[in-house]
């Protein structure tokens, strides 16, 4: 049994969890999100908490136990308070701006890059910081990784898109012959 899966998931006020036909749906003040469940996982909604259980003690069931505990916990906390990822733009002339439901990047290429944000993800740009917000932690992380992949930080000067808490190991570069 997983230690994470054994923990009851507290449900804050204003958040509703419902189970129907092999899926879990969570509604809250920030929106609603649903996810299909695996047949080997049992989910029970009690008074103010959600419990995840396994059908048998197989290896697959035990591995899914902690996974679904973490996924449902992320769903409950996401609809109550949105998740946030912050990226920063490093480089002379590198810019970004939000237009409708997309971000237009100027990252030193010969053309601007138009990145369409997925449904449920919003962005705000303040100088060189891009703040992404969303209730789905998995989709938010995937979107941030895709944006970072447009121009990953290079190891010599550190130019590119990076997470704010990311540390770039810089290389020394060439030394001139004497």
Foldseek 3Di string as FASTA:
>chain_A
DDPLLADWQFADPQKDWDDDDQKIKIAGPQGIDMDGHDPQWDWDDDDRTIHIDGNDPDPVRVVVSNVVSVQVNLLRVLNHPKDKFKKFADDPPWDWDDDDQWIWTDQPDPGIDIGGQDPFWDWDDDGGMIMIIGSRPVSRVVVLVVQCVVFPQDQAPRGGMDTPPDDHHHDDDDDDDD
